[in-house]
Protein backbone atom coordinates (compact mmCIF):
# COMPACT_ATOMS: atom_id res chain seq x y z
CA MET A 1 69.80 39.96 -107.47
CA LYS A 2 73.17 38.98 -106.08
CA VAL A 3 73.41 36.96 -102.89
CA GLY A 4 76.46 35.93 -100.93
CA ILE A 5 77.36 32.34 -100.26
CA SER A 6 80.02 31.01 -97.97
CA TYR A 7 81.82 27.77 -97.32
CA ALA A 8 84.74 26.69 -95.20
CA VAL A 9 88.15 25.58 -96.45
CA ASP A 10 91.45 25.00 -94.69
CA LEU A 11 93.54 28.12 -94.30
CA SER A 12 96.24 26.63 -96.53
CA GLU A 13 93.69 26.20 -99.36
CA ILE A 14 92.74 29.90 -99.54
CA PRO A 15 95.24 30.86 -102.30
CA GLU A 16 94.10 27.91 -104.45
CA GLU A 17 90.43 28.85 -103.94
CA VAL A 18 91.10 32.46 -104.96
CA VAL A 19 92.84 31.28 -108.14
CA LYS A 20 89.79 29.13 -108.97
CA LEU A 21 87.49 32.12 -108.52
CA ILE A 22 89.64 34.27 -110.79
CA LYS A 23 89.83 31.60 -113.49
CA GLU A 24 86.02 31.32 -113.55
CA VAL A 25 85.76 34.83 -114.97
CA GLN A 26 88.96 34.88 -117.02
CA TRP A 27 88.54 36.19 -120.54
CA ASP A 28 90.71 38.06 -123.02
CA LEU A 29 89.69 41.71 -123.00
CA ALA A 30 92.24 42.70 -125.64
CA GLU A 31 90.87 40.07 -128.03
CA LYS A 32 87.30 41.22 -127.46
CA LEU A 33 88.27 44.87 -128.00
CA ASP A 34 89.98 43.96 -131.29
CA GLU A 35 86.85 42.09 -132.36
CA LEU A 36 84.72 45.09 -131.43
CA SER A 37 86.98 47.44 -133.42
CA ASN A 38 86.71 45.13 -136.42
CA ASN A 39 82.91 45.08 -136.08
CA VAL A 40 82.75 48.88 -136.10
CA SER A 41 85.35 49.26 -138.89
CA SER A 42 83.48 46.82 -141.11
CA GLY A 43 80.11 48.45 -140.38
CA ASP A 44 78.77 45.42 -138.52
CA PHE A 45 77.02 47.51 -135.88
CA VAL A 46 74.61 44.75 -134.87
CA SER A 47 77.54 42.54 -133.85
CA ALA A 48 79.27 45.54 -132.25
CA PHE A 49 76.15 46.22 -130.19
CA LYS A 50 75.96 42.59 -129.09
CA ASN A 51 79.69 42.47 -128.31
CA ILE A 52 79.52 45.64 -126.22
CA LYS A 53 76.58 44.26 -124.28
CA ASN A 54 78.40 40.96 -123.72
CA MET A 55 81.64 42.69 -122.71
CA ARG A 56 79.85 44.93 -120.21
CA HIS A 57 78.21 41.86 -118.68
CA ASN A 58 81.59 40.12 -118.45
CA LEU A 59 83.17 43.22 -116.91
CA GLN A 60 80.44 43.31 -114.25
CA ARG A 61 80.93 39.62 -113.47
CA THR A 62 84.70 40.11 -113.35
CA ASP A 63 84.36 43.13 -111.06
CA THR A 64 82.07 41.23 -108.70
CA ARG A 65 84.42 38.27 -108.63
CA LEU A 66 87.45 40.50 -108.03
CA GLU A 67 85.61 42.13 -105.12
CA ASP A 68 84.96 38.64 -103.72
CA CYS A 69 88.65 37.78 -104.10
CA ASN A 70 89.63 41.07 -102.47
CA THR A 71 87.41 40.31 -99.46
CA ILE A 72 88.80 36.78 -99.15
CA ILE A 73 92.42 37.95 -99.40
CA SER A 74 91.78 40.70 -96.85
CA GLY A 75 90.41 38.13 -94.41
CA TYR A 76 93.28 35.78 -95.19
CA LEU A 77 95.85 38.48 -94.46
CA THR A 78 94.05 39.33 -91.20
CA VAL A 79 94.21 35.69 -90.08
CA LEU A 80 97.88 35.37 -91.05
CA LYS A 81 98.68 38.56 -89.11
CA ARG A 82 96.79 37.29 -86.06
CA ILE A 83 98.66 33.97 -86.19
CA SER A 84 101.97 35.80 -86.51
CA ASP A 85 101.12 38.14 -83.64
CA GLU A 86 100.06 35.21 -81.44
CA ALA A 87 103.28 33.33 -82.20
CA GLU A 88 105.34 36.42 -81.45
CA ALA A 89 103.47 36.99 -78.17
CA GLU A 90 104.04 33.35 -77.21
CA GLU A 91 107.76 33.67 -77.94
CA GLU A 92 107.92 36.83 -75.82
CA ARG A 93 106.05 35.07 -73.01
CA LYS A 94 108.46 32.14 -73.15
CA ALA A 95 111.44 34.48 -73.19
CA SER A 96 110.12 36.39 -70.17
CA LEU A 97 109.79 33.08 -68.30
CA GLY A 98 113.23 31.98 -69.41
CA LEU A 99 111.83 29.09 -71.39
CA GLY A 100 113.36 28.00 -74.63
CA VAL A 101 116.61 29.85 -73.98
CA ARG A 102 119.64 27.60 -73.49
CA GLY A 103 121.27 27.99 -70.10
CA SER A 104 118.45 29.89 -68.47
CA HIS A 105 116.24 28.75 -65.64
CA PRO A 106 112.59 29.48 -64.82
CA GLY A 107 112.06 32.53 -62.59
CA ALA A 108 111.63 30.74 -59.26
CA LEU A 109 114.68 28.53 -59.83
CA ARG A 110 116.73 31.49 -61.04
CA ASP A 111 115.85 33.43 -57.86
CA HIS A 112 116.75 30.41 -55.73
CA LEU A 113 120.10 30.01 -57.50
CA ALA A 114 120.86 33.70 -56.94
CA GLU A 115 120.28 33.28 -53.18
CA ASP A 116 122.76 30.36 -53.05
CA LYS A 117 125.63 32.53 -54.32
């Protein structure tokens, strides 16, 4: 039975955590397939059977881990988009108030200056 676990890390640590998860299930499929071919070619069907069973187990573990990584990256991208959208909205808000733009004045002061002319 598979169960989910969760833990918190800083947003900046997400890429490093995903790399760790990937490395935990890293194995050389090409090498294992060559070994399997050699088992079958040499008639060592007992080893071939064991290797196929082991490879299928590793593929399942890898698939599960990749799904975990996919979920994490999806969430990471969602957070980055939200941060970007919030920053953009803040910039738009500041621009509409005339803040942060050289030579401009806040709305009430701008209106007052216009009346003086």
